[in-house]
Each structure stands twice: as structure tokens, then as C-alpha cells.
Amino acid sequence: MSGKSFIAQLRTKPEKRQELIDLQKELRDLVHAQEPDALVYELFQSDDDPDLFQIVATFRDDAAFEHHMHIDFHDRLVPPIVECLAEEMKIAFYRSLT
């Protein structure tokens, strides 16, 4: 089965920008350290809009994605990340063709 990826767009409340960055960096570091089947997990900040972020993530397969969604630190970090948002997160899922 091919890899599963997502791209998520997050718009933060300006006063919560640094908190969102800090939480996302902690999440990224934990993903890299504890999820070997998470092939990519990166946070990007827009050059044109400092409150706009993209997360790009790729998992080896559906099982790796499901593991990510239920790992303890995900459950701890995602609720405060959501509280930093100015609007609902936009997320799209993709499959690798190679």
C-alpha cells in the first residue's frame, strides 16, 4: 500500500503565534524521535503572512498514520494547538504514486 500524506493549513491568532510554533516544534520533534514510519513531518510559516502555517506529513502507510493519530503526545499537544487557531484547520489527504 502506498504512503499516506496530509497537508494542513493553520491560521493562528496573532497573539498565539509563538505558542503555536512552540507546540508544533515539540510535536515535530517527538514525531521524528518516536515514529519511525512518519517519513516527513514539517511545519512551514508563510513569508507573506506570519500567522499562516502549513504542515506537511507523510506516513509509510495507513497503519503508521493511525498510530500517529493515537500516540500519547499527539493527544496531549493537539488540543492546545487547536486553541491557538483563529479558524478551523484545513486538511487534505494524499497518496504517494511512487
C-alpha atoms as a PDB file:
ATOM      1  CA  MET A   1       0.000   0.000   0.000  1.00  0.00           C
ATOM      2  CA  SER A   2       1.225   3.482  -0.790  1.00  0.00           C
ATOM      3  CA  GLY A   3       2.158   6.112   1.754  1.00  0.00           C
ATOM      4  CA  LYS A   4      -0.417   8.443   3.264  1.00  0.00           C
ATOM      5  CA  SER A   5       0.264  12.175   3.392  1.00  0.00           C
ATOM      6  CA  PHE A   6      -1.533  15.274   4.506  1.00  0.00           C
ATOM      7  CA  ILE A   7      -1.117  18.983   4.117  1.00  0.00           C
ATOM      8  CA  ALA A   8      -2.772  21.041   6.828  1.00  0.00           C
ATOM      9  CA  GLN A   9      -3.242  24.793   6.745  1.00  0.00           C
ATOM     10  CA  LEU A  10      -3.373  26.565  10.089  1.00  0.00           C
ATOM     11  CA  ARG A  11      -4.111  30.222  10.732  1.00  0.00           C
ATOM     12  CA  THR A  12      -3.167  31.267  14.229  1.00  0.00           C
ATOM     13  CA  LYS A  13      -4.431  34.089  16.357  1.00  0.00           C
ATOM     14  CA  PRO A  14      -1.628  36.691  16.219  1.00  0.00           C
ATOM     15  CA  GLU A  15      -1.230  36.709  20.000  1.00  0.00           C
ATOM     16  CA  LYS A  16      -0.929  32.885  19.959  1.00  0.00           C
ATOM     17  CA  ARG A  17       1.614  32.650  17.109  1.00  0.00           C
ATOM     18  CA  GLN A  18       4.660  31.825  19.234  1.00  0.00           C
ATOM     19  CA  GLU A  19       2.706  29.337  21.335  1.00  0.00           C
ATOM     20  CA  LEU A  20       1.570  27.554  18.157  1.00  0.00           C
ATOM     21  CA  ILE A  21       5.138  27.477  16.843  1.00  0.00           C
ATOM     22  CA  ASP A  22       6.465  26.092  20.124  1.00  0.00           C
ATOM     23  CA  LEU A  23       3.777  23.393  20.333  1.00  0.00           C
ATOM     24  CA  GLN A  24       4.233  22.398  16.696  1.00  0.00           C
ATOM     25  CA  LYS A  25       8.013  22.211  17.071  1.00  0.00           C
ATOM     26  CA  GLU A  26       7.581  19.942  20.102  1.00  0.00           C
ATOM     27  CA  LEU A  27       5.156  17.763  18.144  1.00  0.00           C
ATOM     28  CA  ARG A  28       7.513  17.623  15.143  1.00  0.00           C
ATOM     29  CA  ASP A  29      10.491  16.682  17.315  1.00  0.00           C
ATOM     30  CA  LEU A  30       8.531  13.907  19.046  1.00  0.00           C
ATOM     31  CA  VAL A  31       7.253  12.572  15.714  1.00  0.00           C
ATOM     32  CA  HIS A  32      10.807  12.457  14.355  1.00  0.00           C
ATOM     33  CA  ALA A  33      12.113  10.767  17.523  1.00  0.00           C
ATOM     34  CA  GLN A  34       9.339   8.261  18.205  1.00  0.00           C
ATOM     35  CA  GLU A  35       7.581   7.488  14.925  1.00  0.00           C
ATOM     36  CA  PRO A  36       9.976   5.781  12.503  1.00  0.00           C
ATOM     37  CA  ASP A  37       7.146   5.277   9.988  1.00  0.00           C
ATOM     38  CA  ALA A  38       6.495   9.017   9.851  1.00  0.00           C
ATOM     39  CA  LEU A  39       8.716   9.801   6.896  1.00  0.00           C
ATOM     40  CA  VAL A  40       8.087  13.548   6.840  1.00  0.00           C
ATOM     41  CA  TYR A  41       6.616  15.918   9.416  1.00  0.00           C
ATOM     42  CA  GLU A  42       7.445  19.580   8.905  1.00  0.00           C
ATOM     43  CA  LEU A  43       5.979  22.952   9.789  1.00  0.00           C
ATOM     44  CA  PHE A  44       6.220  25.880   7.371  1.00  0.00           C
ATOM     45  CA  GLN A  45       5.403  29.544   8.002  1.00  0.00           C
ATOM     46  CA  SER A  46       4.292  31.826   5.174  1.00  0.00           C
ATOM     47  CA  ASP A  47       6.738  34.516   4.062  1.00  0.00           C
ATOM     48  CA  ASP A  48       3.796  36.813   3.301  1.00  0.00           C
ATOM     49  CA  ASP A  49       1.567  36.160   6.313  1.00  0.00           C
ATOM     50  CA  PRO A  50       3.249  35.328   9.652  1.00  0.00           C
ATOM     51  CA  ASP A  51       0.013  33.861  11.029  1.00  0.00           C
ATOM     52  CA  LEU A  52      -0.353  31.293   8.226  1.00  0.00           C
ATOM     53  CA  PHE A  53       1.278  27.861   8.532  1.00  0.00           C
ATOM     54  CA  GLN A  54       1.364  24.614   6.576  1.00  0.00           C
ATOM     55  CA  ILE A  55       2.134  21.198   7.988  1.00  0.00           C
ATOM     56  CA  VAL A  56       3.321  18.567   5.543  1.00  0.00           C
ATOM     57  CA  ALA A  57       3.391  14.981   6.771  1.00  0.00           C
ATOM     58  CA  THR A  58       3.963  11.640   5.095  1.00  0.00           C
ATOM     59  CA  PHE A  59       3.496   8.253   6.724  1.00  0.00           C
ATOM     60  CA  ARG A  60       4.688   4.904   5.397  1.00  0.00           C
ATOM     61  CA  ASP A  61       1.109   3.567   5.278  1.00  0.00           C
ATOM     62  CA  ASP A  62      -2.349   3.875   6.815  1.00  0.00           C
ATOM     63  CA  ALA A  63      -1.266   1.981   9.933  1.00  0.00           C
ATOM     64  CA  ALA A  64       1.537   4.492  10.559  1.00  0.00           C
ATOM     65  CA  PHE A  65      -0.921   7.363  10.184  1.00  0.00           C
ATOM     66  CA  GLU A  66      -3.369   5.723  12.604  1.00  0.00           C
ATOM     67  CA  HIS A  67      -0.520   5.172  15.067  1.00  0.00           C
ATOM     68  CA  HIS A  68       0.327   8.889  14.821  1.00  0.00           C
ATOM     69  CA  MET A  69      -3.269   9.884  15.475  1.00  0.00           C
ATOM     70  CA  HIS A  70      -3.389   7.845  18.700  1.00  0.00           C
ATOM     71  CA  ILE A  71       0.093   8.298  20.167  1.00  0.00           C
ATOM     72  CA  ASP A  72       0.093   9.847  23.639  1.00  0.00           C
ATOM     73  CA  PHE A  73       1.899  13.075  22.784  1.00  0.00           C
ATOM     74  CA  HIS A  74      -0.490  13.750  19.879  1.00  0.00           C
ATOM     75  CA  ASP A  75      -3.424  13.616  22.294  1.00  0.00           C
ATOM     76  CA  ARG A  76      -1.579  15.971  24.672  1.00  0.00           C
ATOM     77  CA  LEU A  77      -0.389  18.569  22.122  1.00  0.00           C
ATOM     78  CA  VAL A  78      -3.195  18.848  19.577  1.00  0.00           C
ATOM     79  CA  PRO A  79      -5.885  20.369  21.848  1.00  0.00           C
ATOM     80  CA  PRO A  80      -3.715  23.371  22.840  1.00  0.00           C
ATOM     81  CA  ILE A  81      -2.661  23.749  19.186  1.00  0.00           C
ATOM     82  CA  VAL A  82      -6.323  23.942  18.164  1.00  0.00           C
ATOM     83  CA  GLU A  83      -6.893  26.586  20.856  1.00  0.00           C
ATOM     84  CA  CYS A  84      -4.275  28.771  19.128  1.00  0.00           C
ATOM     85  CA  LEU A  85      -6.163  28.788  15.830  1.00  0.00           C
ATOM     86  CA  ALA A  86      -8.132  31.738  14.512  1.00  0.00           C
ATOM     87  CA  GLU A  87     -10.162  29.478  12.207  1.00  0.00           C
ATOM     88  CA  GLU A  88     -10.755  25.805  11.576  1.00  0.00           C
ATOM     89  CA  MET A  89      -7.753  23.898  10.272  1.00  0.00           C
ATOM     90  CA  LYS A  90      -7.940  22.948   6.594  1.00  0.00           C
ATOM     91  CA  ILE A  91      -6.565  19.494   5.860  1.00  0.00           C
ATOM     92  CA  ALA A  92      -6.228  17.499   2.650  1.00  0.00           C
ATOM     93  CA  PHE A  93      -5.027  13.908   2.303  1.00  0.00           C
ATOM     94  CA  TYR A  94      -2.890  12.492  -0.480  1.00  0.00           C
ATOM     95  CA  ARG A  95      -1.394   9.174  -1.648  1.00  0.00           C
ATOM     96  CA  SER A  96       2.100   8.715  -2.981  1.00  0.00           C
ATOM     97  CA  LEU A  97       2.180   7.459  -6.558  1.00  0.00           C
ATOM     98  CA  THR A  98       5.758   6.241  -6.395  1.00  0.00           C
END
